[in-house]
């Protein structure tokens, strides 16, 4: 099992697609069965040995940090990293953590949920010399396939990825184990001072440096729209009822 002590969690955006008609909210604080979304991620990362989270913030950063600090469990240290260019693509938010994070590290987004077993299994199969990406081959289970990041894999390697792909055999779950080489590729991917995480991953994939790890039957959910939020609530409620 790959030992990781650090994680980078992206939370710099506005969360506009999940906002209610009454006003915008911070996506990491979205309630799921009376708990903030980010609390589930904090607990999951802590359970697999992460001790330090570099939370990349941007939009209304001071207000968000004030609200998140009371939610941090005693097992975790959260260091906030401000991305002044938060309105750019998410690759810039990843680059904001360069020079701060210990390698290898978990990389994910604050609006993603994962079964604890998924996190444990993923780290158990991750390698230190490549970029590891957790992929879902249960394509029929994806709540919003149009919005999903599609992935083409060949054996255990990612060939390419993109939301616009029409032929693909897996879905990007937004969960990575990375090393510092990712930052080099993101710098190379920058065009006019901007890049997405996917841009950097595609460059690494072209060099055969992205490994796909199938999550099997495990559950995850990107919570980016009201429809996705309802799906997450339904799954977590069913899980809690099953163990009660």
Protein backbone atom coordinates (compact mmCIF):
# COMPACT_ATOMS: atom_id res chain seq x y z
CA UNK A 1 0.00 0.00 0.00
CA UNK A 2 1.29 3.43 -0.96
CA UNK A 3 1.82 5.49 2.17
CA UNK A 4 0.58 9.05 1.85
CA UNK A 5 0.54 11.72 4.51
CA UNK A 6 -0.53 14.64 2.32
CA UNK A 7 -3.51 15.42 0.13
CA UNK A 8 -4.38 18.32 -2.14
CA UNK A 9 -8.09 19.15 -2.18
CA UNK A 10 -9.42 21.68 -4.68
CA UNK A 11 -12.14 24.03 -3.44
CA UNK A 12 -11.40 27.34 -5.15
CA UNK A 13 -14.46 27.70 -7.37
CA UNK A 14 -17.89 29.23 -6.86
CA UNK A 15 -20.00 26.06 -7.01
CA UNK A 16 -22.47 27.93 -9.20
CA UNK A 17 -24.06 24.82 -10.73
CA UNK A 18 -25.15 23.62 -7.29
CA UNK A 19 -26.42 26.98 -6.03
CA UNK A 20 -30.01 27.26 -4.89
CA UNK A 21 -32.38 29.89 -6.30
CA UNK A 22 -32.11 31.76 -2.98
CA UNK A 23 -28.40 32.34 -3.36
CA UNK A 24 -24.93 30.90 -3.89
CA UNK A 25 -23.43 28.54 -1.34
CA UNK A 26 -20.00 27.08 -0.76
CA UNK A 27 -20.04 23.66 -2.37
CA UNK A 28 -17.85 21.97 0.31
CA UNK A 29 -20.46 23.00 2.92
CA UNK A 30 -23.44 21.58 1.04
CA UNK A 31 -25.43 19.50 3.55
CA UNK A 32 -25.78 15.79 2.90
CA UNK A 33 -27.99 14.19 5.56
CA UNK A 34 -27.20 17.05 7.96
CA UNK A 35 -23.43 16.83 7.50
CA UNK A 36 -21.34 19.12 5.27
CA UNK A 37 -20.09 17.40 2.13
CA UNK A 38 -16.46 18.12 3.03
CA UNK A 39 -16.78 16.24 6.33
CA UNK A 40 -17.23 12.95 4.49
CA UNK A 41 -14.05 13.58 2.51
CA UNK A 42 -12.12 14.60 5.63
CA UNK A 43 -13.14 11.37 7.38
CA UNK A 44 -12.31 9.23 4.36
CA UNK A 45 -8.85 10.70 3.85
CA UNK A 46 -8.07 10.43 7.54
CA UNK A 47 -9.09 6.76 7.53
CA UNK A 48 -6.39 5.92 4.94
CA UNK A 49 -3.57 7.69 6.75
CA UNK A 50 -3.66 11.23 5.36
CA UNK A 51 -2.61 13.66 8.08
CA UNK A 52 -2.19 16.95 6.20
CA UNK A 53 -4.57 18.47 3.68
CA UNK A 54 -3.58 21.37 1.45
CA UNK A 55 -6.96 22.93 0.68
CA UNK A 56 -6.75 25.23 -2.34
CA UNK A 57 -9.20 28.11 -1.91
CA UNK A 58 -10.07 31.14 -4.01
CA UNK A 59 -13.64 32.42 -4.19
CA UNK A 60 -14.48 34.27 -0.94
CA UNK A 61 -11.54 32.45 0.62
CA UNK A 62 -11.65 34.06 4.07
CA UNK A 63 -15.31 33.23 4.60
CA UNK A 64 -14.87 29.65 3.40
CA UNK A 65 -11.82 29.05 5.61
CA UNK A 66 -13.65 30.40 8.66
CA UNK A 67 -16.49 27.95 8.11
CA UNK A 68 -14.31 24.93 7.35
CA UNK A 69 -11.89 25.21 10.28
CA UNK A 70 -14.44 23.98 12.89
CA UNK A 71 -15.14 20.93 10.72
CA UNK A 72 -11.55 19.64 10.67
CA UNK A 73 -11.22 16.45 12.77
CA UNK A 74 -8.44 16.19 15.35
CA UNK A 75 -6.67 13.60 13.18
CA UNK A 76 -6.08 16.12 10.38
CA UNK A 77 -4.18 19.33 9.81
CA UNK A 78 -5.58 21.57 7.10
CA UNK A 79 -3.30 24.14 5.49
CA UNK A 80 -5.13 26.59 3.25
CA UNK A 81 -3.47 27.57 -0.02
CA UNK A 82 -4.85 30.67 -1.70
CA UNK A 83 -5.10 30.67 -5.49
CA UNK A 84 -5.43 34.31 -6.57
CA UNK A 85 -6.23 33.11 -10.10
CA UNK A 86 -9.14 30.92 -8.95
CA UNK A 87 -11.30 32.03 -11.89
CA UNK A 88 -8.96 30.18 -14.23
CA UNK A 89 -9.10 26.42 -14.84
CA UNK A 90 -8.44 23.89 -12.10
CA UNK A 91 -4.91 23.10 -13.23
CA UNK A 92 -3.91 26.49 -11.83
CA UNK A 93 -5.34 25.49 -8.47
CA UNK A 94 -3.28 22.30 -8.49
CA UNK A 95 -0.16 24.32 -9.31
CA UNK A 96 -0.84 26.56 -6.29
CA UNK A 97 0.13 23.58 -4.08
CA UNK A 98 3.51 23.05 -5.80
CA UNK A 99 6.37 23.30 -3.34
CA UNK A 100 4.07 22.77 -0.37
CA UNK A 101 2.97 19.16 -0.61
CA UNK A 102 4.93 16.03 0.26
CA UNK A 103 5.16 13.40 -2.50
CA UNK A 104 3.38 11.07 -3.13
CA UNK A 105 0.07 12.77 -2.38
CA UNK A 106 -3.63 12.26 -2.90
CA UNK A 107 -5.28 14.75 -5.24
CA UNK A 108 -9.03 15.20 -5.38
CA UNK A 109 -11.84 17.76 -5.35
CA UNK A 110 -13.93 18.95 -2.43
CA UNK A 111 -17.18 17.99 -4.17
CA UNK A 112 -16.35 14.30 -4.60
CA UNK A 113 -17.51 11.49 -2.32
CA UNK A 114 -15.93 8.04 -2.11
CA UNK A 115 -16.61 4.87 -0.19
CA UNK A 116 -13.92 4.34 2.46
CA UNK A 117 -13.19 0.93 0.93
CA UNK A 118 -12.54 2.61 -2.43
CA UNK A 119 -9.93 4.93 -0.92
CA UNK A 120 -8.22 2.07 0.89
CA UNK A 121 -8.15 -0.19 -2.17
CA UNK A 122 -6.97 2.60 -4.46
CA UNK A 123 -3.99 3.42 -2.26
CA UNK A 124 -3.27 -0.28 -1.98
CA UNK A 125 -2.78 -0.50 -5.75
CA UNK A 126 -1.13 2.87 -6.40
CA UNK A 127 2.49 3.08 -7.52
CA UNK A 128 4.96 5.85 -6.66
CA UNK A 129 6.54 6.34 -10.10
CA UNK A 130 3.43 7.24 -12.13
CA UNK A 131 0.26 9.30 -11.87
CA UNK A 132 -2.42 6.96 -10.58
CA UNK A 133 -6.04 7.62 -11.57
CA UNK A 134 -9.03 5.80 -10.12
CA UNK A 135 -11.38 4.95 -12.99
CA UNK A 136 -14.92 3.62 -13.04
CA UNK A 137 -15.85 1.13 -15.75
CA UNK A 138 -19.51 0.97 -14.61
CA UNK A 139 -20.38 3.53 -17.25
CA UNK A 140 -24.11 2.78 -17.08
CA UNK A 141 -24.15 3.88 -13.41
CA UNK A 142 -22.90 7.42 -14.06
CA UNK A 143 -25.54 9.99 -13.07
CA UNK A 144 -24.64 12.59 -15.72
CA UNK A 145 -22.63 10.99 -18.50
CA UNK A 146 -22.55 14.19 -20.57
CA UNK A 147 -20.67 15.98 -17.78
CA UNK A 148 -18.36 13.06 -16.98
CA UNK A 149 -14.66 13.03 -17.83
CA UNK A 150 -14.33 10.10 -20.23
CA UNK A 151 -11.18 7.99 -20.27
CA UNK A 152 -9.62 5.74 -22.89
CA UNK A 153 -7.44 3.03 -21.35
CA UNK A 154 -5.26 0.31 -22.81
CA UNK A 155 -4.43 -2.39 -20.31
CA UNK A 156 -3.47 -0.45 -17.17
CA UNK A 157 -2.53 2.80 -18.90
CA UNK A 158 -4.58 5.89 -19.65
CA UNK A 159 -4.32 6.75 -23.36
CA UNK A 160 -6.29 10.01 -23.20
CA UNK A 161 -9.26 11.62 -21.52
CA UNK A 162 -11.80 14.37 -22.15
CA UNK A 163 -15.46 15.23 -21.64
CA UNK A 164 -16.04 15.43 -25.37
CA UNK A 165 -14.86 11.90 -26.23
CA UNK A 166 -17.39 9.68 -28.01
CA UNK A 167 -15.44 6.43 -27.67
CA UNK A 168 -14.14 5.54 -24.23
CA UNK A 169 -14.05 2.63 -21.78
CA UNK A 170 -13.89 4.26 -18.34
CA UNK A 171 -14.79 7.37 -16.36
CA UNK A 172 -12.41 9.58 -14.37
CA UNK A 173 -13.50 9.60 -10.69
CA UNK A 174 -11.42 12.66 -9.80
CA UNK A 175 -9.18 10.69 -7.43
CA UNK A 176 -5.43 10.58 -8.00
CA UNK A 177 -2.22 9.61 -6.28
CA UNK A 178 0.46 11.85 -7.75
CA UNK A 179 4.07 12.83 -7.33
CA UNK A 180 5.82 16.12 -8.04
CA UNK A 181 6.15 15.30 -11.74
CA UNK A 182 2.50 16.29 -12.20
CA UNK A 183 3.44 19.91 -11.51
CA UNK A 184 6.05 19.83 -14.29
CA UNK A 185 3.48 18.59 -16.80
CA UNK A 186 0.93 21.19 -15.72
CA UNK A 187 3.52 23.91 -16.24
CA UNK A 188 4.17 22.50 -19.72
CA UNK A 189 0.42 22.46 -20.43
CA UNK A 190 -0.14 26.12 -19.56
CA UNK A 191 -1.29 28.23 -22.48
CA UNK A 192 -1.64 31.98 -21.92
CA UNK A 193 -1.20 31.33 -18.21
CA UNK A 194 -4.04 28.82 -17.92
CA UNK A 195 -4.56 25.05 -17.99
CA UNK A 196 -6.89 22.39 -16.70
CA UNK A 197 -5.85 19.36 -14.69
CA UNK A 198 -6.99 17.27 -17.66
CA UNK A 199 -4.52 19.12 -19.89
CA UNK A 200 -1.62 18.01 -17.71
CA UNK A 201 -2.95 14.47 -17.39
CA UNK A 202 -3.23 14.16 -21.18
CA UNK A 203 0.42 15.16 -21.58
CA UNK A 204 1.47 12.60 -18.99
CA UNK A 205 -0.70 9.95 -20.64
CA UNK A 206 1.00 10.62 -23.97
CA UNK A 207 4.27 9.71 -22.27
CA UNK A 208 2.78 6.54 -20.76
CA UNK A 209 2.90 7.92 -17.24
CA UNK A 210 -0.74 7.65 -16.16
CA UNK A 211 -1.90 4.37 -14.64
CA UNK A 212 -5.60 3.49 -14.50
CA UNK A 213 -6.82 1.69 -11.39
CA UNK A 214 -10.31 0.20 -11.73
CA UNK A 215 -12.53 0.83 -8.67
CA UNK A 216 -14.63 -2.26 -9.41
CA UNK A 217 -17.99 -2.23 -7.63
CA UNK A 218 -17.06 0.61 -5.28
CA UNK A 219 -19.19 3.77 -5.13
CA UNK A 220 -18.24 7.40 -5.74
CA UNK A 221 -20.14 10.52 -6.71
CA UNK A 222 -19.23 13.92 -8.06
CA UNK A 223 -21.63 16.42 -6.45
CA UNK A 224 -21.77 19.17 -9.04
CA UNK A 225 -25.50 19.59 -9.74
CA UNK A 226 -28.78 19.12 -7.81
CA UNK A 227 -29.30 15.80 -9.62
CA UNK A 228 -25.91 14.53 -8.45
CA UNK A 229 -26.62 15.76 -4.92
CA UNK A 230 -29.85 13.75 -4.80
CA UNK A 231 -28.00 10.63 -5.97
CA UNK A 232 -25.38 11.08 -3.24
CA UNK A 233 -28.02 11.59 -0.56
CA UNK A 234 -29.88 8.47 -1.69
CA UNK A 235 -26.76 6.30 -1.57
CA UNK A 236 -25.55 7.52 1.81
CA UNK A 237 -29.02 7.20 3.35
CA UNK A 238 -29.29 3.62 2.11
CA UNK A 239 -25.83 2.82 3.45
CA UNK A 240 -26.65 4.22 6.88
CA UNK A 241 -29.96 2.37 7.00
CA UNK A 242 -28.19 -0.89 6.10
CA UNK A 243 -25.86 -0.66 9.11
CA UNK A 244 -28.39 0.65 11.61
